[in-house]
């Protein structure tokens, strides 16, 4: 999902894409993945081998529609794999 943002930015001129308005939206268990994309974009799974790998992958917004598995069962705190900080884009929860 994160690589898709970089790919879209790479093709922005060809398809007239506004690169400041690329967000993610997922439903149910996919909402968890959108949350991770919105908060873990600084992590790189692979070494940069392609020019697309060097393009920032931070989504400009995230829509989490009935997201699953985002809190611990015991105390209902947000799981640590979703590190919200000042760089996290705007997020809409439903």
C-alpha atoms as a PDB file:
ATOM      1  CA  UNK A   1       0.000   0.000   0.000  1.00  0.00           C
ATOM      2  CA  UNK A   2       2.792   2.422   0.883  1.00  0.00           C
ATOM      3  CA  UNK A   3       4.626   1.697  -2.364  1.00  0.00           C
ATOM      4  CA  UNK A   4       1.443   2.600  -4.269  1.00  0.00           C
ATOM      5  CA  UNK A   5       1.686   6.206  -3.040  1.00  0.00           C
ATOM      6  CA  UNK A   6       5.274   6.463  -4.275  1.00  0.00           C
ATOM      7  CA  UNK A   7       4.263   4.898  -7.597  1.00  0.00           C
ATOM      8  CA  UNK A   8       1.383   7.371  -8.040  1.00  0.00           C
ATOM      9  CA  UNK A   9       3.703  10.279  -7.273  1.00  0.00           C
ATOM     10  CA  UNK A  10       6.184   8.975  -9.830  1.00  0.00           C
ATOM     11  CA  UNK A  11       3.452   9.004 -12.507  1.00  0.00           C
ATOM     12  CA  UNK A  12       1.822  12.247 -11.357  1.00  0.00           C
ATOM     13  CA  UNK A  13       2.786  14.330 -14.383  1.00  0.00           C
ATOM     14  CA  UNK A  14       1.625  11.695 -16.850  1.00  0.00           C
ATOM     15  CA  UNK A  15      -1.823  11.307 -15.247  1.00  0.00           C
ATOM     16  CA  UNK A  16      -2.241  14.845 -13.829  1.00  0.00           C
ATOM     17  CA  UNK A  17      -2.315  13.629 -10.202  1.00  0.00           C
ATOM     18  CA  UNK A  18      -2.176  16.196  -7.403  1.00  0.00           C
ATOM     19  CA  UNK A  19       0.564  14.641  -5.271  1.00  0.00           C
ATOM     20  CA  UNK A  20      -0.594  16.581  -2.206  1.00  0.00           C
ATOM     21  CA  UNK A  21      -3.946  14.783  -2.180  1.00  0.00           C
ATOM     22  CA  UNK A  22      -3.122  11.078  -2.138  1.00  0.00           C
ATOM     23  CA  UNK A  23      -4.702   9.313   0.807  1.00  0.00           C
ATOM     24  CA  UNK A  24      -5.529   5.802   1.916  1.00  0.00           C
ATOM     25  CA  UNK A  25      -8.922   4.307   2.743  1.00  0.00           C
ATOM     26  CA  UNK A  26      -9.579   0.789   3.972  1.00  0.00           C
ATOM     27  CA  UNK A  27     -12.410  -1.022   5.687  1.00  0.00           C
ATOM     28  CA  UNK A  28     -12.483  -3.461   8.630  1.00  0.00           C
ATOM     29  CA  UNK A  29      -9.150  -5.301   8.975  1.00  0.00           C
ATOM     30  CA  UNK A  30      -7.846  -3.105   6.168  1.00  0.00           C
ATOM     31  CA  UNK A  31      -8.416  -0.088   8.417  1.00  0.00           C
ATOM     32  CA  UNK A  32      -5.598  -1.402  10.562  1.00  0.00           C
ATOM     33  CA  UNK A  33      -3.374  -1.447   7.473  1.00  0.00           C
ATOM     34  CA  UNK A  34      -4.288   2.151   6.617  1.00  0.00           C
ATOM     35  CA  UNK A  35      -3.407   3.167  10.173  1.00  0.00           C
ATOM     36  CA  UNK A  36      -0.028   1.484   9.795  1.00  0.00           C
ATOM     37  CA  UNK A  37       0.539   3.191   6.428  1.00  0.00           C
ATOM     38  CA  UNK A  38      -0.273   6.555   8.032  1.00  0.00           C
ATOM     39  CA  UNK A  39       2.124   6.037  10.946  1.00  0.00           C
ATOM     40  CA  UNK A  40       4.910   3.729   9.719  1.00  0.00           C
ATOM     41  CA  UNK A  41       5.782   5.464   6.451  1.00  0.00           C
ATOM     42  CA  UNK A  42       9.276   6.308   7.746  1.00  0.00           C
ATOM     43  CA  UNK A  43      10.177   2.615   7.923  1.00  0.00           C
ATOM     44  CA  UNK A  44      11.668   1.067   4.812  1.00  0.00           C
ATOM     45  CA  UNK A  45      11.354  -2.677   4.228  1.00  0.00           C
ATOM     46  CA  UNK A  46      13.946  -2.756   1.465  1.00  0.00           C
ATOM     47  CA  UNK A  47      17.143  -0.979   0.572  1.00  0.00           C
ATOM     48  CA  UNK A  48      16.583   1.817  -1.940  1.00  0.00           C
ATOM     49  CA  UNK A  49      17.329   0.316  -5.343  1.00  0.00           C
ATOM     50  CA  UNK A  50      14.895   2.260  -7.486  1.00  0.00           C
ATOM     51  CA  UNK A  51      14.059   5.954  -7.849  1.00  0.00           C
ATOM     52  CA  UNK A  52      10.508   5.190  -6.654  1.00  0.00           C
ATOM     53  CA  UNK A  53      11.975   3.946  -3.349  1.00  0.00           C
ATOM     54  CA  UNK A  54      13.324   7.456  -2.736  1.00  0.00           C
ATOM     55  CA  UNK A  55       9.928   9.184  -3.140  1.00  0.00           C
ATOM     56  CA  UNK A  56       8.203   9.878   0.213  1.00  0.00           C
ATOM     57  CA  UNK A  57       5.362   7.452   0.878  1.00  0.00           C
ATOM     58  CA  UNK A  58       3.487   9.356   3.612  1.00  0.00           C
ATOM     59  CA  UNK A  59      -0.217   9.457   2.738  1.00  0.00           C
ATOM     60  CA  UNK A  60      -1.812  12.908   2.929  1.00  0.00           C
ATOM     61  CA  UNK A  61      -4.817  11.505   4.785  1.00  0.00           C
ATOM     62  CA  UNK A  62      -6.195   8.205   6.034  1.00  0.00           C
ATOM     63  CA  UNK A  63      -9.781   7.021   6.339  1.00  0.00           C
ATOM     64  CA  UNK A  64     -10.202   4.100   8.724  1.00  0.00           C
ATOM     65  CA  UNK A  65     -13.686   2.667   8.283  1.00  0.00           C
ATOM     66  CA  UNK A  66     -14.604   0.287  11.130  1.00  0.00           C
ATOM     67  CA  UNK A  67     -10.936  -0.631  11.642  1.00  0.00           C
ATOM     68  CA  UNK A  68     -10.186  -3.835  13.491  1.00  0.00           C
ATOM     69  CA  UNK A  69      -7.363  -4.835  15.848  1.00  0.00           C
ATOM     70  CA  UNK A  70      -6.170  -1.358  16.753  1.00  0.00           C
ATOM     71  CA  UNK A  71      -6.218  -1.618  20.532  1.00  0.00           C
ATOM     72  CA  UNK A  72      -5.104  -4.048  23.181  1.00  0.00           C
ATOM     73  CA  UNK A  73      -7.852  -6.230  24.607  1.00  0.00           C
ATOM     74  CA  UNK A  74      -6.809  -5.598  28.212  1.00  0.00           C
ATOM     75  CA  UNK A  75      -6.765  -1.821  28.499  1.00  0.00           C
ATOM     76  CA  UNK A  76      -8.045  -0.575  25.116  1.00  0.00           C
ATOM     77  CA  UNK A  77      -4.888   1.447  24.422  1.00  0.00           C
ATOM     78  CA  UNK A  78      -3.744   1.934  20.841  1.00  0.00           C
ATOM     79  CA  UNK A  79      -1.327  -0.857  19.906  1.00  0.00           C
ATOM     80  CA  UNK A  80       2.344   0.107  19.794  1.00  0.00           C
ATOM     81  CA  UNK A  81       2.641  -0.808  16.093  1.00  0.00           C
ATOM     82  CA  UNK A  82       0.664   2.380  15.347  1.00  0.00           C
ATOM     83  CA  UNK A  83       3.001   5.138  16.620  1.00  0.00           C
ATOM     84  CA  UNK A  84       1.067   8.398  16.264  1.00  0.00           C
ATOM     85  CA  UNK A  85       3.325  11.457  16.225  1.00  0.00           C
ATOM     86  CA  UNK A  86       3.480  14.994  14.839  1.00  0.00           C
ATOM     87  CA  UNK A  87       4.126  13.667  11.292  1.00  0.00           C
ATOM     88  CA  UNK A  88       0.997  11.498  11.222  1.00  0.00           C
ATOM     89  CA  UNK A  89      -1.393  12.797   8.532  1.00  0.00           C
ATOM     90  CA  UNK A  90      -5.014  13.703   9.302  1.00  0.00           C
ATOM     91  CA  UNK A  91      -7.022  10.561  10.073  1.00  0.00           C
ATOM     92  CA  UNK A  92     -10.790  10.014   9.984  1.00  0.00           C
ATOM     93  CA  UNK A  93     -12.160   7.138  12.075  1.00  0.00           C
ATOM     94  CA  UNK A  94     -15.620   5.703  11.571  1.00  0.00           C
END
